[in-house]
Amino acid sequence: TFATTGSLTVEGETLSGEDLLLDRSPKKGMLVASEGGITVALDTDISDELRHEGLAREVQNRVQNLRKKADLDVSQHIALFVKATGDVAAALARTDLQAMIKGETLADSLAAMPDILPATAHRHADKIDGDAIELAIVPLTLPEAAT
């Protein structure tokens, strides 16, 4: 190959580096870097699935920050209520992402897009990528173990 021999044969003609002009341009949506003979290409196009997962992780982060602000113990289980618009609402519609959020935030329940948020809850309003989001968490009291 050209990379190892410095020449290339096309229809019986041997072409050297003097005869060729090499242009390494990434395809659209690709990020490419080369160093020391190694080239790495990354696909930078983000699918809706991947975008929704990133938004769900942002919701998780906001919930964790609200837990800290409410001074909840790290093992405190909660009921979580989330209202959102746009792509964040689309992410919250996915049951797999709801399960991820619940698991990471110790939410025993997640009410996505409730009509109203509980008045007694710890609340926070924010924006994620321009989409409005309202969070409410209610600490849960777990039943004591039977003796």
N, C-alpha and C. Protein backbone atom coordinates (compact mmCIF):
# COMPACT_ATOMS: atom_id res chain seq x y z
N THR A 1 0.83 -1.18 0.00
CA THR A 1 0.00 0.00 0.00
C THR A 1 0.88 1.24 0.00
N PHE A 2 0.29 2.35 -0.35
CA PHE A 2 1.02 3.61 -0.46
C PHE A 2 1.65 4.02 0.86
N ALA A 3 0.94 3.79 1.97
CA ALA A 3 1.45 4.20 3.28
C ALA A 3 2.75 3.51 3.63
N THR A 4 2.94 2.25 3.19
CA THR A 4 4.16 1.51 3.56
C THR A 4 5.25 1.60 2.50
N THR A 5 4.87 1.65 1.20
CA THR A 5 5.89 1.64 0.14
C THR A 5 6.18 3.01 -0.44
N GLY A 6 5.28 3.96 -0.29
CA GLY A 6 5.49 5.29 -0.86
C GLY A 6 5.12 5.36 -2.33
N SER A 7 4.53 4.27 -2.84
CA SER A 7 4.09 4.28 -4.24
C SER A 7 2.78 3.51 -4.35
N LEU A 8 2.15 3.71 -5.51
CA LEU A 8 0.85 3.10 -5.76
C LEU A 8 0.80 2.75 -7.24
N THR A 9 0.32 1.55 -7.58
CA THR A 9 0.23 1.14 -8.99
C THR A 9 -1.22 1.21 -9.43
N VAL A 10 -1.45 1.98 -10.48
CA VAL A 10 -2.79 2.14 -11.04
C VAL A 10 -2.71 1.80 -12.53
N GLU A 11 -3.42 0.75 -12.96
CA GLU A 11 -3.45 0.31 -14.35
C GLU A 11 -2.05 0.16 -14.92
N GLY A 12 -1.17 -0.48 -14.14
CA GLY A 12 0.19 -0.77 -14.60
C GLY A 12 1.17 0.37 -14.43
N GLU A 13 0.72 1.53 -14.07
CA GLU A 13 1.60 2.69 -13.85
C GLU A 13 1.89 2.84 -12.37
N THR A 14 3.15 2.99 -12.02
CA THR A 14 3.54 3.20 -10.64
C THR A 14 3.60 4.69 -10.38
N LEU A 15 2.86 5.10 -9.38
CA LEU A 15 2.81 6.51 -8.99
C LEU A 15 3.49 6.67 -7.64
N SER A 16 4.31 7.71 -7.50
CA SER A 16 4.99 7.98 -6.23
C SER A 16 4.36 9.20 -5.58
N GLY A 17 4.90 9.57 -4.47
CA GLY A 17 4.40 10.73 -3.74
C GLY A 17 4.50 12.00 -4.55
N GLU A 18 5.45 12.07 -5.49
CA GLU A 18 5.59 13.25 -6.35
C GLU A 18 4.42 13.37 -7.33
N ASP A 19 3.80 12.22 -7.64
CA ASP A 19 2.73 12.20 -8.64
C ASP A 19 1.34 12.37 -8.01
N LEU A 20 1.28 12.26 -6.72
CA LEU A 20 -0.02 12.24 -6.05
C LEU A 20 -0.17 13.43 -5.10
N LEU A 21 -1.39 13.83 -4.94
CA LEU A 21 -1.74 14.84 -3.93
C LEU A 21 -2.75 14.18 -3.00
N LEU A 22 -2.36 13.98 -1.77
CA LEU A 22 -3.24 13.35 -0.79
C LEU A 22 -3.95 14.42 0.02
N ASP A 23 -5.24 14.26 0.14
CA ASP A 23 -6.04 15.19 0.94
C ASP A 23 -6.86 14.36 1.92
N ARG A 24 -6.56 14.51 3.17
CA ARG A 24 -7.31 13.79 4.20
C ARG A 24 -8.32 14.74 4.80
N SER A 25 -9.56 14.59 4.38
CA SER A 25 -10.66 15.43 4.87
C SER A 25 -11.70 14.52 5.51
N PRO A 26 -12.17 14.89 6.69
CA PRO A 26 -13.19 14.05 7.33
C PRO A 26 -14.52 14.17 6.60
N LYS A 27 -15.28 13.09 6.65
CA LYS A 27 -16.64 13.13 6.14
C LYS A 27 -17.46 14.04 7.03
N LYS A 28 -18.55 14.56 6.49
CA LYS A 28 -19.44 15.42 7.26
C LYS A 28 -19.91 14.67 8.52
N GLY A 29 -19.87 15.35 9.65
CA GLY A 29 -20.30 14.74 10.91
C GLY A 29 -19.21 13.93 11.59
N MET A 30 -18.00 13.97 11.05
CA MET A 30 -16.88 13.22 11.64
C MET A 30 -15.82 14.20 12.13
N LEU A 31 -15.19 13.85 13.23
CA LEU A 31 -14.07 14.60 13.77
C LEU A 31 -12.87 13.67 13.67
N VAL A 32 -11.80 14.11 13.02
CA VAL A 32 -10.65 13.25 12.75
C VAL A 32 -9.39 13.90 13.29
N ALA A 33 -8.53 13.07 13.90
CA ALA A 33 -7.22 13.53 14.35
C ALA A 33 -6.19 12.46 14.01
N SER A 34 -5.00 12.89 13.57
CA SER A 34 -3.92 11.97 13.23
C SER A 34 -2.66 12.37 13.97
N GLU A 35 -1.95 11.35 14.43
CA GLU A 35 -0.67 11.60 15.09
C GLU A 35 0.13 10.30 15.08
N GLY A 36 1.41 10.40 14.72
CA GLY A 36 2.29 9.24 14.76
C GLY A 36 1.81 8.08 13.92
N GLY A 37 1.21 8.36 12.78
CA GLY A 37 0.76 7.29 11.90
C GLY A 37 -0.57 6.67 12.28
N ILE A 38 -1.19 7.18 13.31
CA ILE A 38 -2.49 6.66 13.75
C ILE A 38 -3.54 7.74 13.51
N THR A 39 -4.64 7.34 12.91
CA THR A 39 -5.75 8.26 12.66
C THR A 39 -6.98 7.74 13.39
N VAL A 40 -7.66 8.64 14.09
CA VAL A 40 -8.87 8.30 14.82
C VAL A 40 -10.00 9.18 14.28
N ALA A 41 -11.14 8.56 13.99
CA ALA A 41 -12.31 9.30 13.51
C ALA A 41 -13.46 9.07 14.48
N LEU A 42 -14.11 10.15 14.87
CA LEU A 42 -15.26 10.07 15.77
C LEU A 42 -16.50 10.60 15.06
N ASP A 43 -17.58 9.85 15.15
CA ASP A 43 -18.86 10.29 14.60
C ASP A 43 -19.45 11.28 15.58
N THR A 44 -19.62 12.54 15.17
CA THR A 44 -20.12 13.58 16.07
C THR A 44 -21.61 13.83 15.91
N ASP A 45 -22.26 13.10 15.01
CA ASP A 45 -23.71 13.23 14.89
C ASP A 45 -24.36 12.58 16.11
N ILE A 46 -25.28 13.29 16.73
CA ILE A 46 -25.93 12.79 17.93
C ILE A 46 -27.34 12.35 17.58
N SER A 47 -27.63 11.08 17.84
CA SER A 47 -28.97 10.55 17.57
C SER A 47 -29.95 11.08 18.62
N ASP A 48 -31.24 10.99 18.30
CA ASP A 48 -32.25 11.40 19.27
C ASP A 48 -32.14 10.58 20.54
N GLU A 49 -31.85 9.29 20.40
CA GLU A 49 -31.72 8.42 21.57
C GLU A 49 -30.60 8.89 22.48
N LEU A 50 -29.45 9.21 21.90
CA LEU A 50 -28.31 9.67 22.69
C LEU A 50 -28.59 11.04 23.30
N ARG A 51 -29.23 11.92 22.54
CA ARG A 51 -29.58 13.25 23.06
C ARG A 51 -30.53 13.13 24.24
N HIS A 52 -31.53 12.27 24.14
CA HIS A 52 -32.48 12.08 25.24
C HIS A 52 -31.78 11.53 26.47
N GLU A 53 -30.83 10.62 26.29
CA GLU A 53 -30.09 10.09 27.44
C GLU A 53 -29.30 11.20 28.12
N GLY A 54 -28.68 12.08 27.34
CA GLY A 54 -27.95 13.20 27.92
C GLY A 54 -28.87 14.14 28.69
N LEU A 55 -30.06 14.39 28.15
CA LEU A 55 -31.03 15.25 28.85
C LEU A 55 -31.50 14.59 30.14
N ALA A 56 -31.71 13.28 30.10
CA ALA A 56 -32.12 12.56 31.32
C ALA A 56 -31.03 12.66 32.39
N ARG A 57 -29.79 12.62 31.97
CA ARG A 57 -28.68 12.76 32.94
C ARG A 57 -28.65 14.18 33.52
N GLU A 58 -29.03 15.16 32.72
CA GLU A 58 -29.14 16.53 33.23
C GLU A 58 -30.27 16.63 34.25
N VAL A 59 -31.39 15.97 34.00
CA VAL A 59 -32.48 15.94 34.98
C VAL A 59 -31.98 15.30 36.27
N GLN A 60 -31.28 14.18 36.14
CA GLN A 60 -30.69 13.50 37.31
C GLN A 60 -29.84 14.46 38.12
N ASN A 61 -28.99 15.21 37.43
CA ASN A 61 -28.11 16.17 38.09
C ASN A 61 -28.91 17.21 38.85
N ARG A 62 -29.98 17.73 38.24
CA ARG A 62 -30.81 18.74 38.90
C ARG A 62 -31.50 18.14 40.14
N VAL A 63 -31.94 16.89 40.03
CA VAL A 63 -32.57 16.24 41.18
C VAL A 63 -31.56 16.08 42.31
N GLN A 64 -30.35 15.64 41.99
CA GLN A 64 -29.32 15.45 43.02
C GLN A 64 -28.99 16.79 43.69
N ASN A 65 -28.92 17.86 42.90
CA ASN A 65 -28.67 19.18 43.48
C ASN A 65 -29.81 19.61 44.40
N LEU A 66 -31.05 19.30 44.01
CA LEU A 66 -32.20 19.64 44.85
C LEU A 66 -32.17 18.80 46.13
N ARG A 67 -31.76 17.56 46.04
CA ARG A 67 -31.63 16.71 47.24
C ARG A 67 -30.64 17.35 48.22
N LYS A 68 -29.50 17.84 47.69
CA LYS A 68 -28.50 18.50 48.55
C LYS A 68 -29.08 19.76 49.17
N LYS A 69 -29.75 20.57 48.34
CA LYS A 69 -30.33 21.82 48.83
C LYS A 69 -31.37 21.56 49.92
N ALA A 70 -32.10 20.44 49.79
CA ALA A 70 -33.12 20.08 50.79
C ALA A 70 -32.49 19.39 52.00
N ASP A 71 -31.16 19.21 51.97
CA ASP A 71 -30.41 18.60 53.07
C ASP A 71 -30.91 17.18 53.37
N LEU A 72 -31.19 16.41 52.33
CA LEU A 72 -31.62 15.03 52.52
C LEU A 72 -30.41 14.14 52.74
N ASP A 73 -30.59 13.13 53.54
CA ASP A 73 -29.56 12.12 53.74
C ASP A 73 -29.33 11.40 52.42
N VAL A 74 -28.10 10.93 52.19
CA VAL A 74 -27.79 10.28 50.91
C VAL A 74 -28.60 9.00 50.68
N SER A 75 -29.11 8.40 51.76
CA SER A 75 -29.89 7.17 51.61
C SER A 75 -31.41 7.43 51.64
N GLN A 76 -31.81 8.69 51.73
CA GLN A 76 -33.23 9.05 51.80
C GLN A 76 -33.93 8.79 50.47
N HIS A 77 -34.96 7.98 50.49
CA HIS A 77 -35.76 7.74 49.29
C HIS A 77 -36.74 8.90 49.11
N ILE A 78 -37.12 9.13 47.85
CA ILE A 78 -37.99 10.26 47.53
C ILE A 78 -39.09 9.85 46.56
N ALA A 79 -40.11 10.68 46.50
CA ALA A 79 -41.07 10.65 45.40
C ALA A 79 -40.67 11.84 44.52
N LEU A 80 -40.57 11.62 43.22
CA LEU A 80 -40.09 12.64 42.30
C LEU A 80 -41.20 13.04 41.33
N PHE A 81 -41.34 14.33 41.13
CA PHE A 81 -42.32 14.89 40.21
C PHE A 81 -41.55 15.80 39.24
N VAL A 82 -41.74 15.63 37.94
CA VAL A 82 -41.01 16.42 36.95
C VAL A 82 -41.96 16.88 35.84
N LYS A 83 -41.97 18.19 35.64
CA LYS A 83 -42.69 18.77 34.50
C LYS A 83 -41.63 19.39 33.60
N ALA A 84 -41.78 19.20 32.29
CA ALA A 84 -40.78 19.74 31.37
C ALA A 84 -41.42 20.03 30.02
N THR A 85 -40.66 20.75 29.20
CA THR A 85 -41.10 21.06 27.84
C THR A 85 -40.09 20.50 26.85
N GLY A 86 -40.46 20.49 25.59
CA GLY A 86 -39.54 20.17 24.50
C GLY A 86 -38.91 18.80 24.57
N ASP A 87 -37.61 18.76 24.24
CA ASP A 87 -36.87 17.50 24.20
C ASP A 87 -36.74 16.86 25.57
N VAL A 88 -36.71 17.67 26.63
CA VAL A 88 -36.63 17.10 27.98
C VAL A 88 -37.91 16.31 28.26
N ALA A 89 -39.05 16.84 27.86
CA ALA A 89 -40.32 16.12 28.03
C ALA A 89 -40.31 14.83 27.22
N ALA A 90 -39.74 14.87 26.02
CA ALA A 90 -39.64 13.66 25.19
C ALA A 90 -38.75 12.61 25.87
N ALA A 91 -37.68 13.06 26.50
CA ALA A 91 -36.80 12.12 27.21
C ALA A 91 -37.53 11.50 28.39
N LEU A 92 -38.32 12.31 29.10
CA LEU A 92 -39.06 11.81 30.27
C LEU A 92 -40.17 10.84 29.88
N ALA A 93 -40.56 10.84 28.63
CA ALA A 93 -41.60 9.91 28.17
C ALA A 93 -41.05 8.49 27.99
N ARG A 94 -39.75 8.36 27.96
CA ARG A 94 -39.13 7.03 27.78
C ARG A 94 -39.02 6.31 29.12
N THR A 95 -39.61 5.13 29.20
CA THR A 95 -39.60 4.37 30.46
C THR A 95 -38.19 3.93 30.86
N ASP A 96 -37.32 3.65 29.89
CA ASP A 96 -35.95 3.27 30.23
C ASP A 96 -35.21 4.42 30.90
N LEU A 97 -35.46 5.65 30.44
CA LEU A 97 -34.79 6.81 31.04
C LEU A 97 -35.43 7.16 32.38
N GLN A 98 -36.72 6.94 32.53
CA GLN A 98 -37.36 7.13 33.83
C GLN A 98 -36.73 6.18 34.85
N ALA A 99 -36.53 4.93 34.45
CA ALA A 99 -35.93 3.94 35.35
C ALA A 99 -34.51 4.34 35.73
N MET A 100 -33.75 4.88 34.77
CA MET A 100 -32.39 5.33 35.06
C MET A 100 -32.42 6.47 36.08
N ILE A 101 -33.28 7.46 35.86
CA ILE A 101 -33.39 8.60 36.77
C ILE A 101 -33.79 8.12 38.16
N LYS A 102 -34.79 7.26 38.24
CA LYS A 102 -35.25 6.75 39.54
C LYS A 102 -34.12 6.03 40.26
N GLY A 103 -33.42 5.17 39.54
CA GLY A 103 -32.34 4.39 40.17
C GLY A 103 -31.21 5.25 40.71
N GLU A 104 -30.86 6.30 39.97
CA GLU A 104 -29.74 7.14 40.37
C GLU A 104 -30.10 8.16 41.44
N THR A 105 -31.37 8.44 41.63
CA THR A 105 -31.78 9.48 42.58
C THR A 105 -32.53 8.94 43.80
N LEU A 106 -32.63 7.61 43.90
CA LEU A 106 -33.38 6.94 44.97
C LEU A 106 -34.85 7.36 44.98
N ALA A 107 -35.40 7.55 43.79
CA ALA A 107 -36.81 7.89 43.66
C ALA A 107 -37.62 6.59 43.58
N ASP A 108 -38.49 6.38 44.55
CA ASP A 108 -39.34 5.20 44.53
C ASP A 108 -40.45 5.35 43.48
N SER A 109 -40.76 6.61 43.15
CA SER A 109 -41.75 6.87 42.10
C SER A 109 -41.32 8.11 41.34
N LEU A 110 -41.73 8.16 40.09
CA LEU A 110 -41.45 9.33 39.26
C LEU A 110 -42.73 9.65 38.51
N ALA A 111 -43.29 10.80 38.80
CA ALA A 111 -44.47 11.28 38.07
C ALA A 111 -43.96 12.27 37.02
N ALA A 112 -43.92 11.81 35.77
CA ALA A 112 -43.49 12.68 34.68
C ALA A 112 -44.70 13.42 34.14
N MET A 113 -44.59 14.72 34.05
CA MET A 113 -45.63 15.58 33.51
C MET A 113 -46.93 15.57 34.33
N PRO A 114 -46.83 15.67 35.67
CA PRO A 114 -48.05 15.71 36.48
C PRO A 114 -48.79 17.02 36.24
N ASP A 115 -50.10 17.01 36.49
CA ASP A 115 -50.89 18.23 36.32
C ASP A 115 -50.44 19.33 37.28
N ILE A 116 -50.17 18.93 38.53
CA ILE A 116 -49.69 19.89 39.53
C ILE A 116 -48.55 19.26 40.32
N LEU A 117 -47.70 20.10 40.87
CA LEU A 117 -46.62 19.64 41.73
C LEU A 117 -47.07 19.80 43.17
N PRO A 118 -46.69 18.86 44.04
CA PRO A 118 -47.11 18.96 45.45
C PRO A 118 -46.61 20.25 46.09
N ALA A 119 -47.49 20.92 46.80
CA ALA A 119 -47.16 22.21 47.41
C ALA A 119 -46.15 22.04 48.55
N THR A 120 -46.16 20.91 49.22
CA THR A 120 -45.28 20.70 50.37
C THR A 120 -43.90 20.16 49.97
N ALA A 121 -43.69 19.98 48.72
CA ALA A 121 -42.43 19.40 48.25
C ALA A 121 -41.31 20.42 48.20
N HIS A 122 -40.08 19.90 48.18
CA HIS A 122 -38.92 20.74 47.86
C HIS A 122 -38.98 20.93 46.35
N ARG A 123 -38.90 22.18 45.87
CA ARG A 123 -39.12 22.46 44.45
C ARG A 123 -37.96 23.25 43.85
N HIS A 124 -37.84 23.11 42.54
CA HIS A 124 -36.81 23.84 41.80
C HIS A 124 -37.25 23.98 40.35
N ALA A 125 -37.10 25.18 39.80
CA ALA A 125 -37.37 25.43 38.38
C ALA A 125 -36.05 25.78 37.71
N ASP A 126 -35.88 25.31 36.47
CA ASP A 126 -34.62 25.52 35.78
C ASP A 126 -34.87 25.38 34.28
N LYS A 127 -33.80 25.45 33.51
CA LYS A 127 -33.85 25.19 32.08
C LYS A 127 -32.72 24.25 31.73
N ILE A 128 -33.00 23.35 30.79
CA ILE A 128 -31.99 22.45 30.26
C ILE A 128 -32.04 22.61 28.75
N ASP A 129 -30.96 23.08 28.16
CA ASP A 129 -30.89 23.35 26.72
C ASP A 129 -32.08 24.17 26.24
N GLY A 130 -32.50 25.13 27.02
CA GLY A 130 -33.59 26.01 26.64
C GLY A 130 -34.99 25.50 26.97
N ASP A 131 -35.10 24.24 27.39
CA ASP A 131 -36.40 23.68 27.76
C ASP A 131 -36.64 23.88 29.25
N ALA A 132 -37.85 24.37 29.58
CA ALA A 132 -38.20 24.60 30.99
C ALA A 132 -38.40 23.27 31.70
N ILE A 133 -37.98 23.25 32.97
CA ILE A 133 -38.16 22.06 33.79
C ILE A 133 -38.53 22.49 35.20
N GLU A 134 -39.48 21.80 35.81
CA GLU A 134 -39.85 22.02 37.20
C GLU A 134 -39.73 20.69 37.92
N LEU A 135 -39.03 20.71 39.04
CA LEU A 135 -38.82 19.51 39.85
C LEU A 135 -39.47 19.68 41.21
N ALA A 136 -39.96 18.58 41.74
CA ALA A 136 -40.44 18.56 43.12
C ALA A 136 -40.07 17.21 43.70
N ILE A 137 -39.54 17.22 44.91
CA ILE A 137 -39.22 15.96 45.59
C ILE A 137 -39.87 15.97 46.96
N VAL A 138 -40.37 14.80 47.33
CA VAL A 138 -40.98 14.61 48.64
C VAL A 138 -40.23 13.46 49.31
N PRO A 139 -39.59 13.73 50.46
CA PRO A 139 -38.91 12.65 51.17
C PRO A 139 -39.93 11.60 51.61
N LEU A 140 -39.56 10.33 51.48
CA LEU A 140 -40.44 9.25 51.88
C LEU A 140 -40.01 8.67 53.20
N THR A 141 -40.97 8.31 54.00
CA THR A 141 -40.70 7.63 55.25
C THR A 141 -40.88 6.14 54.98
N LEU A 142 -39.80 5.40 55.15
CA LEU A 142 -39.89 3.97 54.92
C LEU A 142 -40.45 3.27 56.15
N PRO A 143 -41.26 2.24 55.95
CA PRO A 143 -41.79 1.51 57.12
C PRO A 143 -40.65 0.90 57.93
N GLU A 144 -40.79 0.94 59.24
CA GLU A 144 -39.76 0.35 60.09
C GLU A 144 -39.82 -1.15 59.99
N ALA A 145 -38.65 -1.77 60.11
CA ALA A 145 -38.57 -3.22 60.01
C ALA A 145 -39.30 -3.86 61.18
N ALA A 146 -39.95 -4.96 60.90
CA ALA A 146 -40.67 -5.68 61.96
C ALA A 146 -39.66 -6.31 62.92
N THR A 147 -39.99 -6.27 64.19
CA THR A 147 -39.07 -6.82 65.19
C THR A 147 -39.54 -8.16 65.66
